[in-house]
């Protein structure tokens, strides 16, 4: 065997072993069951990335082991969905803006993980109906009730009513999470690659239980606000 062939074989074997090691690490880190092996591996990869690169720290999210729930969070960057997925023991179905959903290089992934596109410039009836169906099927729907990136120094903005209305109509509990420590605040793609020290502060579930919509929104707003 010539030296060139030996080097090529050695590099091929090393790459294959490295790939197998990486896949095994991703499988070991996976927690949520997304219904397919490759999505579960991506879940594990995302958890490793958020845990080690973005130094994610969080208390256990008080999501029910099964059955419907709404997960709501403040929205500071494009990193936020990855962080919430990394902290969740269950798959999350995000409501996202149609213009984000239609990015050609990410649409296949958004579709695979069940994201629900929202037409912000129109009446979002179809997105609301899809979210309600997901909750009625026992899934966890995640959304950012400010509707867009909203930083603490921005002028106060009212929360969208969708989460409270869905909780009233389906009985799903609302789990609010305060997100801090993102270095790329206000950024979308860049925030994913700027190393952060992310902290999540989850709160006990809220239930509609006859509360007025505005009162429920006020409770959510207090939990998402800085201390």
N, C-alpha and C. Protein backbone atom coordinates (compact mmCIF):
# COMPACT_ATOMS: atom_id res chain seq x y z
N UNK A 1 0.84 -1.20 0.00
CA UNK A 1 0.00 0.00 0.00
C UNK A 1 0.88 1.24 0.00
N UNK A 2 0.63 2.16 -0.92
CA UNK A 2 1.43 3.37 -0.99
C UNK A 2 1.10 4.29 0.17
N UNK A 3 2.00 5.24 0.43
CA UNK A 3 1.79 6.18 1.52
C UNK A 3 0.52 7.02 1.29
N UNK A 4 0.26 7.40 0.04
CA UNK A 4 -0.92 8.20 -0.27
C UNK A 4 -2.21 7.46 0.07
N UNK A 5 -2.28 6.19 -0.33
CA UNK A 5 -3.47 5.38 -0.04
C UNK A 5 -3.64 5.20 1.46
N UNK A 6 -2.51 4.96 2.14
CA UNK A 6 -2.55 4.78 3.59
C UNK A 6 -3.11 6.03 4.28
N UNK A 7 -2.67 7.22 3.84
CA UNK A 7 -3.14 8.47 4.42
C UNK A 7 -4.63 8.66 4.15
N UNK A 8 -5.05 8.37 2.90
CA UNK A 8 -6.46 8.51 2.56
C UNK A 8 -7.34 7.60 3.38
N UNK A 9 -6.91 6.35 3.55
CA UNK A 9 -7.67 5.40 4.36
C UNK A 9 -7.72 5.86 5.81
N UNK A 10 -6.61 6.32 6.33
CA UNK A 10 -6.55 6.77 7.73
C UNK A 10 -7.46 7.97 7.97
N UNK A 11 -7.44 8.93 7.04
CA UNK A 11 -8.30 10.10 7.17
C UNK A 11 -9.77 9.71 7.09
N UNK A 12 -10.11 8.79 6.18
CA UNK A 12 -11.48 8.34 6.05
C UNK A 12 -11.97 7.67 7.32
N UNK A 13 -11.14 6.79 7.87
CA UNK A 13 -11.51 6.10 9.12
C UNK A 13 -11.67 7.11 10.27
N UNK A 14 -10.74 8.07 10.34
CA UNK A 14 -10.81 9.07 11.40
C UNK A 14 -12.09 9.91 11.30
N UNK A 15 -12.45 10.30 10.07
CA UNK A 15 -13.66 11.07 9.87
C UNK A 15 -14.90 10.26 10.24
N UNK A 16 -14.90 8.99 9.86
CA UNK A 16 -16.04 8.14 10.18
C UNK A 16 -16.19 7.96 11.68
N UNK A 17 -15.06 7.72 12.36
CA UNK A 17 -15.10 7.56 13.82
C UNK A 17 -15.53 8.85 14.50
N UNK A 18 -15.04 9.99 13.98
CA UNK A 18 -15.44 11.28 14.54
C UNK A 18 -16.92 11.53 14.36
N UNK A 19 -17.44 11.17 13.20
CA UNK A 19 -18.87 11.32 12.94
C UNK A 19 -19.70 10.46 13.87
N UNK A 20 -19.28 9.20 14.05
CA UNK A 20 -20.01 8.30 14.94
C UNK A 20 -19.97 8.82 16.38
N UNK A 21 -18.84 9.35 16.81
CA UNK A 21 -18.72 9.89 18.17
C UNK A 21 -19.66 11.09 18.34
N UNK A 22 -19.70 11.97 17.33
CA UNK A 22 -20.56 13.15 17.41
C UNK A 22 -22.03 12.74 17.45
N UNK A 23 -22.40 11.77 16.62
CA UNK A 23 -23.80 11.30 16.60
C UNK A 23 -24.18 10.71 17.95
N UNK A 24 -23.30 9.91 18.53
CA UNK A 24 -23.59 9.31 19.83
C UNK A 24 -23.74 10.37 20.92
N UNK A 25 -22.92 11.42 20.86
CA UNK A 25 -23.04 12.51 21.83
C UNK A 25 -24.39 13.21 21.69
N UNK A 26 -24.81 13.46 20.46
CA UNK A 26 -26.10 14.10 20.22
C UNK A 26 -27.24 13.22 20.70
N UNK A 27 -27.16 11.93 20.44
CA UNK A 27 -28.21 11.01 20.89
C UNK A 27 -28.28 10.95 22.41
N UNK A 28 -27.12 11.01 23.06
CA UNK A 28 -27.10 10.96 24.52
C UNK A 28 -27.67 12.24 25.14
N UNK A 29 -27.49 13.38 24.44
CA UNK A 29 -27.96 14.66 24.97
C UNK A 29 -29.44 14.89 24.70
N UNK A 30 -30.01 14.14 23.76
CA UNK A 30 -31.42 14.33 23.39
C UNK A 30 -32.35 13.98 24.55
N UNK A 31 -33.37 14.81 24.73
CA UNK A 31 -34.36 14.56 25.78
C UNK A 31 -35.76 14.47 25.19
N UNK A 32 -36.17 15.48 24.44
CA UNK A 32 -37.51 15.49 23.87
C UNK A 32 -37.60 14.54 22.68
N UNK A 33 -38.73 13.88 22.55
CA UNK A 33 -38.95 12.97 21.43
C UNK A 33 -39.73 13.69 20.34
N UNK A 34 -39.03 14.01 19.24
CA UNK A 34 -39.64 14.74 18.13
C UNK A 34 -40.25 13.81 17.08
N UNK A 35 -40.17 12.52 17.31
CA UNK A 35 -40.82 11.58 16.41
C UNK A 35 -39.96 11.08 15.28
N UNK A 36 -38.70 11.50 15.20
CA UNK A 36 -37.80 10.97 14.17
C UNK A 36 -36.38 11.00 14.71
N UNK A 37 -35.58 10.06 14.25
CA UNK A 37 -34.22 9.94 14.76
C UNK A 37 -33.38 11.17 14.46
N UNK A 38 -33.49 11.70 13.23
CA UNK A 38 -32.61 12.82 12.89
C UNK A 38 -33.03 14.10 13.61
N UNK A 39 -34.34 14.29 13.85
CA UNK A 39 -34.76 15.44 14.63
C UNK A 39 -34.32 15.30 16.09
N UNK A 40 -34.36 14.10 16.62
CA UNK A 40 -33.89 13.89 17.99
C UNK A 40 -32.39 14.16 18.10
N UNK A 41 -31.64 13.81 17.06
CA UNK A 41 -30.21 14.13 17.07
C UNK A 41 -29.97 15.63 17.01
N UNK A 42 -30.77 16.33 16.21
CA UNK A 42 -30.67 17.79 16.17
C UNK A 42 -31.02 18.39 17.53
N UNK A 43 -32.01 17.81 18.20
CA UNK A 43 -32.37 18.25 19.54
C UNK A 43 -31.17 18.12 20.48
N UNK A 44 -30.50 16.98 20.41
CA UNK A 44 -29.33 16.78 21.26
C UNK A 44 -28.22 17.75 20.92
N UNK A 45 -28.00 17.98 19.63
CA UNK A 45 -26.96 18.93 19.21
C UNK A 45 -27.27 20.33 19.72
N UNK A 46 -28.53 20.73 19.62
CA UNK A 46 -28.93 22.06 20.10
C UNK A 46 -28.73 22.19 21.60
N UNK A 47 -29.04 21.13 22.35
CA UNK A 47 -28.85 21.19 23.80
C UNK A 47 -27.38 21.32 24.15
N UNK A 48 -26.54 20.58 23.45
CA UNK A 48 -25.09 20.70 23.69
C UNK A 48 -24.59 22.10 23.35
N UNK A 49 -25.07 22.63 22.24
CA UNK A 49 -24.65 23.96 21.80
C UNK A 49 -25.06 25.04 22.80
N UNK A 50 -26.32 24.99 23.23
CA UNK A 50 -26.80 26.00 24.17
C UNK A 50 -26.15 25.85 25.54
N UNK A 51 -25.94 24.61 25.94
CA UNK A 51 -25.37 24.36 27.27
C UNK A 51 -23.91 24.78 27.34
N UNK A 52 -23.13 24.48 26.31
CA UNK A 52 -21.69 24.72 26.38
C UNK A 52 -21.26 26.04 25.74
N UNK A 53 -21.84 26.39 24.60
CA UNK A 53 -21.43 27.64 23.96
C UNK A 53 -22.14 28.85 24.59
N UNK A 54 -23.44 28.71 24.80
CA UNK A 54 -24.20 29.83 25.37
C UNK A 54 -24.36 29.73 26.88
N UNK A 55 -23.75 28.71 27.48
CA UNK A 55 -23.69 28.54 28.94
C UNK A 55 -25.08 28.66 29.57
N UNK A 56 -26.02 27.97 28.95
CA UNK A 56 -27.41 27.99 29.40
C UNK A 56 -27.54 27.37 30.79
N UNK A 57 -28.22 28.09 31.66
CA UNK A 57 -28.57 27.57 32.99
C UNK A 57 -30.05 27.83 33.21
N UNK A 58 -30.73 26.85 33.78
CA UNK A 58 -32.17 27.02 33.97
C UNK A 58 -32.66 26.03 35.01
N UNK A 59 -33.75 26.42 35.66
CA UNK A 59 -34.49 25.49 36.49
C UNK A 59 -35.39 24.66 35.57
N UNK A 60 -35.87 23.55 36.08
CA UNK A 60 -36.74 22.69 35.29
C UNK A 60 -38.01 23.44 34.89
N UNK A 61 -38.34 23.37 33.61
CA UNK A 61 -39.57 24.02 33.16
C UNK A 61 -40.77 23.22 33.65
N UNK A 62 -41.72 23.87 34.32
CA UNK A 62 -42.86 23.14 34.91
C UNK A 62 -43.93 22.79 33.89
N UNK A 63 -43.52 22.12 32.81
CA UNK A 63 -44.48 21.67 31.82
C UNK A 63 -45.07 20.33 32.25
N UNK A 64 -46.33 20.08 31.96
CA UNK A 64 -46.90 18.77 32.29
C UNK A 64 -46.19 17.67 31.50
N UNK A 65 -46.09 16.49 32.08
CA UNK A 65 -45.44 15.37 31.40
C UNK A 65 -46.18 15.00 30.12
N UNK A 66 -47.46 15.22 30.10
CA UNK A 66 -48.27 14.99 28.90
C UNK A 66 -49.44 15.96 28.94
N UNK A 67 -50.07 16.12 27.80
CA UNK A 67 -51.18 17.06 27.72
C UNK A 67 -50.72 18.44 27.29
N UNK A 68 -51.69 19.29 27.01
CA UNK A 68 -51.40 20.58 26.41
C UNK A 68 -50.81 21.58 27.40
N UNK A 69 -50.07 22.54 26.85
CA UNK A 69 -49.53 23.65 27.63
C UNK A 69 -49.11 24.75 26.66
N UNK A 70 -49.11 25.98 27.17
CA UNK A 70 -48.61 27.13 26.43
C UNK A 70 -47.35 27.62 27.13
N UNK A 71 -46.28 27.77 26.36
CA UNK A 71 -45.02 28.29 26.89
C UNK A 71 -44.83 29.69 26.32
N UNK A 72 -44.70 30.69 27.19
CA UNK A 72 -44.54 32.07 26.73
C UNK A 72 -43.26 32.64 27.33
N UNK A 73 -42.62 33.53 26.58
CA UNK A 73 -41.35 34.10 27.02
C UNK A 73 -41.19 35.51 26.47
N UNK A 74 -40.36 36.31 27.15
CA UNK A 74 -39.93 37.55 26.53
C UNK A 74 -39.06 37.22 25.32
N UNK A 75 -38.96 38.15 24.38
CA UNK A 75 -38.29 37.88 23.10
C UNK A 75 -37.21 38.94 22.89
N UNK A 76 -35.94 38.52 22.96
CA UNK A 76 -34.84 39.49 22.85
C UNK A 76 -33.95 39.27 21.64
N UNK A 77 -34.03 38.09 20.99
CA UNK A 77 -33.11 37.81 19.89
C UNK A 77 -33.57 36.58 19.11
N UNK A 78 -32.82 36.29 18.03
CA UNK A 78 -33.08 35.09 17.26
C UNK A 78 -32.62 33.82 17.94
N UNK A 79 -31.86 33.94 19.04
CA UNK A 79 -31.40 32.77 19.79
C UNK A 79 -32.50 32.18 20.67
N UNK A 80 -33.49 32.98 21.00
CA UNK A 80 -34.47 32.59 22.02
C UNK A 80 -35.14 31.24 21.76
N UNK A 81 -35.62 30.95 20.54
CA UNK A 81 -36.27 29.65 20.34
C UNK A 81 -35.34 28.47 20.59
N UNK A 82 -34.06 28.60 20.20
CA UNK A 82 -33.11 27.51 20.43
C UNK A 82 -32.93 27.26 21.92
N UNK A 83 -32.88 28.34 22.70
CA UNK A 83 -32.69 28.22 24.14
C UNK A 83 -33.90 27.55 24.79
N UNK A 84 -35.09 27.95 24.38
CA UNK A 84 -36.30 27.36 24.96
C UNK A 84 -36.42 25.88 24.60
N UNK A 85 -36.09 25.54 23.37
CA UNK A 85 -36.10 24.13 22.96
C UNK A 85 -35.09 23.34 23.78
N UNK A 86 -33.91 23.93 24.02
CA UNK A 86 -32.85 23.25 24.78
C UNK A 86 -33.25 23.03 26.23
N UNK A 87 -34.14 23.85 26.75
CA UNK A 87 -34.55 23.73 28.15
C UNK A 87 -35.80 22.89 28.34
N UNK A 88 -36.47 22.58 27.25
CA UNK A 88 -37.77 21.91 27.37
C UNK A 88 -37.65 20.39 27.33
N UNK A 89 -38.37 19.70 28.20
CA UNK A 89 -38.38 18.23 28.15
C UNK A 89 -39.30 17.68 27.07
N UNK A 90 -40.03 18.58 26.41
CA UNK A 90 -40.98 18.16 25.38
C UNK A 90 -40.78 18.99 24.12
N UNK A 91 -41.18 18.46 22.96
CA UNK A 91 -41.12 19.27 21.74
C UNK A 91 -42.00 20.51 21.85
N UNK A 92 -41.56 21.59 21.22
CA UNK A 92 -42.31 22.84 21.23
C UNK A 92 -42.75 23.19 19.81
N UNK A 93 -44.00 23.61 19.68
CA UNK A 93 -44.52 24.08 18.40
C UNK A 93 -44.61 25.60 18.46
N UNK A 94 -43.68 26.26 17.79
CA UNK A 94 -43.59 27.71 17.85
C UNK A 94 -44.52 28.38 16.85
N UNK A 95 -45.13 29.47 17.28
CA UNK A 95 -45.76 30.39 16.36
C UNK A 95 -44.69 31.38 15.91
N UNK A 96 -44.46 31.46 14.61
CA UNK A 96 -43.43 32.37 14.10
C UNK A 96 -43.99 33.18 12.94
N UNK A 97 -43.39 34.35 12.73
CA UNK A 97 -43.84 35.23 11.65
C UNK A 97 -43.65 34.55 10.31
N UNK A 98 -44.60 34.79 9.43
CA UNK A 98 -44.56 34.18 8.10
C UNK A 98 -43.27 34.49 7.37
N UNK A 99 -42.76 35.72 7.50
CA UNK A 99 -41.53 36.08 6.78
C UNK A 99 -40.32 35.29 7.28
N UNK A 100 -40.35 34.89 8.55
CA UNK A 100 -39.28 34.04 9.07
C UNK A 100 -39.48 32.60 8.60
N UNK A 101 -40.71 32.15 8.63
CA UNK A 101 -41.03 30.78 8.23
C UNK A 101 -40.64 30.53 6.77
N UNK A 102 -40.77 31.55 5.94
CA UNK A 102 -40.55 31.39 4.50
C UNK A 102 -39.09 31.54 4.08
N UNK A 103 -38.16 31.68 5.01
CA UNK A 103 -36.74 31.69 4.62
C UNK A 103 -36.43 30.33 3.98
N UNK A 104 -35.99 30.33 2.72
CA UNK A 104 -35.87 29.07 1.96
C UNK A 104 -34.91 28.09 2.61
N UNK A 105 -33.89 28.59 3.30
CA UNK A 105 -32.88 27.71 3.85
C UNK A 105 -33.26 27.16 5.22
N UNK A 106 -34.39 27.60 5.77
CA UNK A 106 -34.84 27.10 7.07
C UNK A 106 -36.26 26.54 7.04
N UNK A 107 -36.98 26.78 5.95
CA UNK A 107 -38.38 26.38 5.92
C UNK A 107 -38.56 24.88 6.12
N UNK A 108 -37.65 24.09 5.56
CA UNK A 108 -37.75 22.63 5.71
C UNK A 108 -37.69 22.23 7.19
N UNK A 109 -36.85 22.94 7.97
CA UNK A 109 -36.73 22.62 9.39
C UNK A 109 -37.95 23.10 10.15
N UNK A 110 -38.40 24.33 9.87
CA UNK A 110 -39.59 24.84 10.55
C UNK A 110 -40.79 23.93 10.31
N UNK A 111 -40.90 23.43 9.09
CA UNK A 111 -42.01 22.54 8.76
C UNK A 111 -41.86 21.21 9.51
N UNK A 112 -40.62 20.70 9.58
CA UNK A 112 -40.38 19.40 10.21
C UNK A 112 -40.71 19.42 11.71
N UNK A 113 -40.44 20.55 12.37
CA UNK A 113 -40.68 20.61 13.81
C UNK A 113 -42.06 21.20 14.14
N UNK A 114 -42.87 21.41 13.11
CA UNK A 114 -44.26 21.79 13.35
C UNK A 114 -44.50 23.25 13.69
N UNK A 115 -43.61 24.15 13.25
CA UNK A 115 -43.85 25.57 13.50
C UNK A 115 -45.13 26.03 12.80
N UNK A 116 -45.77 27.02 13.39
CA UNK A 116 -47.03 27.54 12.88
C UNK A 116 -46.78 28.97 12.39
N UNK A 117 -46.84 29.21 11.07
CA UNK A 117 -46.59 30.56 10.56
C UNK A 117 -47.76 31.50 10.83
N UNK A 118 -47.41 32.74 11.18
CA UNK A 118 -48.41 33.76 11.51
C UNK A 118 -48.31 34.90 10.50
N UNK A 119 -49.42 35.25 9.89
CA UNK A 119 -49.47 36.39 8.97
C UNK A 119 -49.68 37.66 9.81
N UNK A 120 -48.59 38.36 10.11
CA UNK A 120 -48.71 39.52 11.00
C UNK A 120 -49.44 40.69 10.35
N UNK A 121 -49.37 40.78 9.03
CA UNK A 121 -50.00 41.91 8.33
C UNK A 121 -51.48 41.67 8.07
N UNK A 122 -51.98 40.47 8.39
CA UNK A 122 -53.38 40.15 8.16
C UNK A 122 -54.00 39.62 9.45
N UNK A 123 -55.24 39.26 9.38
CA UNK A 123 -55.91 38.65 10.53
C UNK A 123 -55.38 37.22 10.72
N UNK A 124 -54.70 36.94 11.83
CA UNK A 124 -54.03 35.64 11.98
C UNK A 124 -54.97 34.51 12.40
N UNK A 125 -56.11 34.41 11.75
CA UNK A 125 -57.11 33.41 12.14
C UNK A 125 -56.60 32.00 11.92
N UNK A 126 -55.95 31.75 10.79
CA UNK A 126 -55.51 30.39 10.49
C UNK A 126 -54.44 29.92 11.47
N UNK A 127 -53.54 30.82 11.86
CA UNK A 127 -52.51 30.46 12.83
C UNK A 127 -53.13 30.16 14.19
N UNK A 128 -54.10 30.97 14.58
CA UNK A 128 -54.79 30.75 15.86
C UNK A 128 -55.50 29.40 15.86
N UNK A 129 -56.14 29.07 14.75
CA UNK A 129 -56.85 27.80 14.65
C UNK A 129 -55.87 26.63 14.71
N UNK A 130 -54.72 26.77 14.05
CA UNK A 130 -53.72 25.70 14.07
C UNK A 130 -53.16 25.51 15.48
N UNK A 131 -52.93 26.62 16.19
CA UNK A 131 -52.44 26.52 17.57
C UNK A 131 -53.46 25.86 18.46
N UNK A 132 -54.72 26.20 18.26
CA UNK A 132 -55.78 25.57 19.07
C UNK A 132 -55.85 24.08 18.80
N UNK A 133 -55.74 23.68 17.53
CA UNK A 133 -55.76 22.24 17.21
C UNK A 133 -54.59 21.52 17.87
N UNK A 134 -53.42 22.14 17.86
CA UNK A 134 -52.24 21.53 18.48
C UNK A 134 -52.47 21.33 19.98
N UNK A 135 -53.04 22.33 20.63
CA UNK A 135 -53.32 22.21 22.07
C UNK A 135 -54.36 21.13 22.33
N UNK A 136 -55.37 21.09 21.52
CA UNK A 136 -56.41 20.07 21.70
C UNK A 136 -55.87 18.66 21.48
N UNK A 137 -54.75 18.58 20.71
CA UNK A 137 -54.10 17.28 20.48
C UNK A 137 -53.08 16.96 21.58
N UNK A 138 -52.97 17.84 22.59
CA UNK A 138 -52.09 17.56 23.72
C UNK A 138 -50.66 18.01 23.53
N UNK A 139 -50.41 18.95 22.61
CA UNK A 139 -49.05 19.41 22.36
C UNK A 139 -48.73 20.67 23.16
N UNK A 140 -47.44 21.06 23.14
CA UNK A 140 -46.99 22.28 23.80
C UNK A 140 -46.76 23.34 22.71
N UNK A 141 -47.48 24.45 22.81
CA UNK A 141 -47.34 25.55 21.87
C UNK A 141 -46.54 26.66 22.53
N UNK A 142 -45.52 27.15 21.83
CA UNK A 142 -44.65 28.21 22.37
C UNK A 142 -44.83 29.47 21.55
N UNK A 143 -44.86 30.60 22.23
CA UNK A 143 -44.99 31.87 21.51
C UNK A 143 -44.40 33.00 22.35
N UNK A 144 -44.13 34.09 21.64
CA UNK A 144 -43.61 35.31 22.27
C UNK A 144 -44.73 36.34 22.25
N UNK A 145 -45.37 36.60 23.39
CA UNK A 145 -46.59 37.41 23.39
C UNK A 145 -46.39 38.88 23.04
N UNK A 146 -45.13 39.36 22.99
CA UNK A 146 -44.92 40.71 22.48
C UNK A 146 -45.09 40.75 20.96
N UNK A 147 -44.99 39.58 20.32
CA UNK A 147 -45.19 39.51 18.88
C UNK A 147 -43.96 39.78 18.06
N UNK A 148 -42.92 40.33 18.67
CA UNK A 148 -41.66 40.63 17.99
C UNK A 148 -40.61 40.87 19.06
N UNK A 149 -39.36 41.07 18.65
CA UNK A 149 -38.31 41.36 19.63
C UNK A 149 -38.66 42.63 20.41
N UNK A 150 -38.60 42.51 21.72
CA UNK A 150 -38.92 43.65 22.59
C UNK A 150 -37.94 43.63 23.77
N UNK A 151 -37.06 44.63 23.83
CA UNK A 151 -36.04 44.69 24.87
C UNK A 151 -36.53 45.51 26.05
N UNK A 152 -35.86 45.34 27.18
CA UNK A 152 -36.31 45.99 28.40
C UNK A 152 -36.29 47.51 28.31
N UNK A 153 -35.38 48.07 27.50
CA UNK A 153 -35.31 49.54 27.40
C UNK A 153 -36.27 50.11 26.36
N UNK A 154 -36.98 49.24 25.65
CA UNK A 154 -37.98 49.71 24.70
C UNK A 154 -39.19 50.27 25.45
N UNK A 155 -39.94 51.15 24.81
CA UNK A 155 -41.18 51.63 25.45
C UNK A 155 -42.11 50.46 25.74
N UNK A 156 -42.87 50.53 26.82
CA UNK A 156 -43.81 49.45 27.14
C UNK A 156 -44.75 49.16 25.97
N UNK A 157 -45.00 47.88 25.75
CA UNK A 157 -45.89 47.47 24.67
C UNK A 157 -46.86 46.43 25.21
N UNK A 158 -48.12 46.53 24.85
CA UNK A 158 -49.11 45.54 25.33
C UNK A 158 -48.83 44.17 24.74
N UNK A 159 -49.14 43.13 25.50
CA UNK A 159 -48.97 41.77 25.01
C UNK A 159 -50.12 41.42 24.07
N UNK A 160 -49.82 40.56 23.10
CA UNK A 160 -50.87 40.03 22.24
C UNK A 160 -51.78 39.13 23.08
N UNK A 161 -53.04 39.07 22.72
CA UNK A 161 -54.02 38.36 23.52
C UNK A 161 -54.10 36.87 23.23
N UNK A 162 -53.36 36.39 22.22
CA UNK A 162 -53.50 35.02 21.76
C UNK A 162 -53.33 33.97 22.84
N UNK A 163 -52.28 34.09 23.66
CA UNK A 163 -52.02 33.07 24.68
C UNK A 163 -53.16 32.99 25.67
N UNK A 164 -53.65 34.14 26.13
CA UNK A 164 -54.74 34.14 27.10
C UNK A 164 -56.02 33.58 26.50
N UNK A 165 -56.30 33.92 25.25
CA UNK A 165 -57.50 33.40 24.59
C UNK A 165 -57.42 31.89 24.40
N UNK A 166 -56.24 31.41 24.00
CA UNK A 166 -56.06 29.97 23.82
C UNK A 166 -56.21 29.23 25.16
N UNK A 167 -55.68 29.82 26.22
CA UNK A 167 -55.81 29.20 27.54
C UNK A 167 -57.27 29.13 27.95
N UNK A 168 -58.02 30.18 27.67
CA UNK A 168 -59.44 30.20 28.03
C UNK A 168 -60.23 29.15 27.25
N UNK A 169 -59.90 29.00 25.97
CA UNK A 169 -60.70 28.12 25.11
C UNK A 169 -60.30 26.65 25.23
N UNK A 170 -59.07 26.36 25.61
CA UNK A 170 -58.61 24.97 25.66
C UNK A 170 -58.34 24.46 27.07
N UNK A 171 -58.23 25.37 28.03
CA UNK A 171 -57.89 24.96 29.38
C UNK A 171 -56.41 24.68 29.59
N UNK A 172 -55.58 24.96 28.59
CA UNK A 172 -54.15 24.71 28.71
C UNK A 172 -53.51 25.67 29.70
N UNK A 173 -52.62 25.18 30.57
CA UNK A 173 -51.91 26.08 31.48
C UNK A 173 -50.88 26.91 30.71
N UNK A 174 -50.58 28.09 31.23
CA UNK A 174 -49.58 28.97 30.64
C UNK A 174 -48.34 28.96 31.53
N UNK A 175 -47.21 28.56 30.96
CA UNK A 175 -45.93 28.57 31.68
C UNK A 175 -45.12 29.74 31.14
N UNK A 176 -44.90 30.74 31.98
CA UNK A 176 -44.13 31.93 31.60
C UNK A 176 -42.66 31.75 31.99
N UNK A 177 -41.78 32.17 31.10
CA UNK A 177 -40.33 32.04 31.32
C UNK A 177 -39.67 33.38 31.02
N UNK A 178 -38.89 33.88 31.95
CA UNK A 178 -38.10 35.09 31.74
C UNK A 178 -36.70 34.70 31.27
N UNK A 179 -36.26 35.28 30.15
CA UNK A 179 -34.98 34.95 29.52
C UNK A 179 -34.03 36.13 29.67
N UNK A 180 -32.81 35.88 30.16
CA UNK A 180 -31.80 36.92 30.36
C UNK A 180 -30.44 36.42 29.90
N UNK A 181 -29.50 37.36 29.71
CA UNK A 181 -28.10 37.01 29.48
C UNK A 181 -27.72 36.77 28.04
N UNK A 182 -28.58 37.13 27.09
CA UNK A 182 -28.25 36.95 25.68
C UNK A 182 -27.35 38.11 25.24
N UNK A 183 -26.20 37.80 24.73
CA UNK A 183 -25.26 38.83 24.32
C UNK A 183 -25.75 39.60 23.09
N UNK A 184 -26.39 38.88 22.18
CA UNK A 184 -26.83 39.50 20.93
C UNK A 184 -28.22 40.06 21.00
N UNK A 185 -28.57 40.76 22.06
CA UNK A 185 -29.91 41.32 22.18
C UNK A 185 -30.23 42.21 20.99
N UNK A 186 -31.42 42.06 20.46
CA UNK A 186 -31.86 42.85 19.33
C UNK A 186 -31.46 42.30 17.98
N UNK A 187 -30.64 41.25 17.97
CA UNK A 187 -30.16 40.66 16.72
C UNK A 187 -30.89 39.34 16.45
N UNK A 188 -30.90 38.93 15.22
CA UNK A 188 -31.56 37.68 14.86
C UNK A 188 -30.52 36.59 14.60
N UNK A 189 -29.98 36.54 13.39
CA UNK A 189 -29.02 35.48 13.05
C UNK A 189 -27.74 35.62 13.86
N UNK A 190 -27.21 36.84 13.99
CA UNK A 190 -25.93 37.04 14.67
C UNK A 190 -25.97 36.58 16.12
N UNK A 191 -27.11 36.70 16.76
CA UNK A 191 -27.22 36.33 18.18
C UNK A 191 -26.92 34.86 18.41
N UNK A 192 -27.16 34.04 17.41
CA UNK A 192 -26.92 32.59 17.55
C UNK A 192 -25.43 32.31 17.70
N UNK A 193 -24.59 33.18 17.15
CA UNK A 193 -23.15 32.92 17.10
C UNK A 193 -22.34 33.79 18.06
N UNK A 194 -22.98 34.69 18.79
CA UNK A 194 -22.30 35.49 19.80
C UNK A 194 -22.44 34.80 21.15
N UNK A 195 -21.33 34.43 21.75
CA UNK A 195 -21.41 33.61 22.96
C UNK A 195 -22.09 34.37 24.10
N UNK A 196 -23.03 33.70 24.73
CA UNK A 196 -23.83 34.32 25.78
C UNK A 196 -23.67 33.57 27.09
N UNK A 197 -24.34 34.09 28.09
CA UNK A 197 -24.45 33.40 29.39
C UNK A 197 -25.95 33.46 29.75
N UNK A 198 -26.71 32.55 29.15
CA UNK A 198 -28.16 32.64 29.21
C UNK A 198 -28.71 32.04 30.50
N UNK A 199 -29.69 32.74 31.04
CA UNK A 199 -30.40 32.25 32.22
C UNK A 199 -31.89 32.27 31.93
N UNK A 200 -32.58 31.21 32.32
CA UNK A 200 -34.03 31.14 32.21
C UNK A 200 -34.63 31.07 33.61
N UNK A 201 -35.65 31.88 33.82
CA UNK A 201 -36.36 31.85 35.11
C UNK A 201 -37.81 31.48 34.85
N UNK A 202 -38.17 30.21 35.04
CA UNK A 202 -39.55 29.79 34.81
C UNK A 202 -40.43 30.04 36.04
N UNK A 203 -41.70 30.20 35.79
CA UNK A 203 -42.68 30.42 36.86
C UNK A 203 -43.70 29.28 36.87
N UNK A 204 -44.37 29.16 37.98
CA UNK A 204 -45.41 28.14 38.10
C UNK A 204 -46.51 28.39 37.07
N UNK A 205 -47.16 27.35 36.60
CA UNK A 205 -48.19 27.51 35.57
C UNK A 205 -49.34 28.42 36.01
N UNK A 206 -49.83 29.19 35.05
CA UNK A 206 -51.03 30.01 35.24
C UNK A 206 -52.20 29.29 34.58
N UNK A 207 -53.36 29.36 35.20
CA UNK A 207 -54.57 28.78 34.62
C UNK A 207 -55.60 29.88 34.44
N UNK A 208 -56.39 29.74 33.40
CA UNK A 208 -57.40 30.77 33.14
C UNK A 208 -58.39 30.86 34.30
N UNK A 209 -59.01 29.76 34.63
CA UNK A 209 -59.86 29.64 35.83
C UNK A 209 -60.79 30.83 36.02
N UNK A 210 -61.39 31.29 34.95
CA UNK A 210 -62.36 32.36 35.08
C UNK A 210 -61.79 33.76 35.12
N UNK A 211 -60.46 33.90 35.06
CA UNK A 211 -59.87 35.23 35.07
C UNK A 211 -60.26 35.99 33.80
N UNK A 212 -60.39 37.29 33.94
CA UNK A 212 -60.56 38.12 32.76
C UNK A 212 -59.29 38.07 31.92
N UNK A 213 -59.44 38.21 30.60
CA UNK A 213 -58.29 38.14 29.71
C UNK A 213 -57.24 39.19 30.09
N UNK A 214 -57.67 40.40 30.34
CA UNK A 214 -56.72 41.47 30.65
C UNK A 214 -55.97 41.19 31.96
N UNK A 215 -56.66 40.63 32.93
CA UNK A 215 -56.00 40.31 34.20
C UNK A 215 -54.96 39.21 34.00
N UNK A 216 -55.28 38.22 33.16
CA UNK A 216 -54.33 37.15 32.88
C UNK A 216 -53.12 37.69 32.13
N UNK A 217 -53.35 38.58 31.18
CA UNK A 217 -52.24 39.20 30.44
C UNK A 217 -51.35 40.01 31.38
N UNK A 218 -51.94 40.67 32.34
CA UNK A 218 -51.15 41.46 33.29
C UNK A 218 -50.25 40.55 34.13
N UNK A 219 -50.77 39.38 34.52
CA UNK A 219 -49.95 38.43 35.28
C UNK A 219 -48.77 37.94 34.43
N UNK A 220 -49.05 37.65 33.16
CA UNK A 220 -47.97 37.20 32.26
C UNK A 220 -46.93 38.30 32.12
N UNK A 221 -47.39 39.53 31.92
CA UNK A 221 -46.47 40.66 31.72
C UNK A 221 -45.55 40.85 32.92
N UNK A 222 -46.09 40.71 34.12
CA UNK A 222 -45.26 40.85 35.31
C UNK A 222 -44.18 39.79 35.38
N UNK A 223 -44.49 38.58 34.94
CA UNK A 223 -43.51 37.50 34.99
C UNK A 223 -42.43 37.64 33.92
N UNK A 224 -42.77 38.27 32.81
CA UNK A 224 -41.79 38.44 31.75
C UNK A 224 -40.94 39.69 31.93
N UNK A 225 -41.34 40.57 32.83
CA UNK A 225 -40.62 41.84 33.04
C UNK A 225 -39.36 41.60 33.87
N UNK A 226 -38.37 42.50 33.78
CA UNK A 226 -37.16 42.37 34.62
C UNK A 226 -37.51 42.60 36.08
N UNK A 227 -36.73 42.01 36.96
CA UNK A 227 -36.98 42.19 38.39
C UNK A 227 -36.48 43.56 38.84
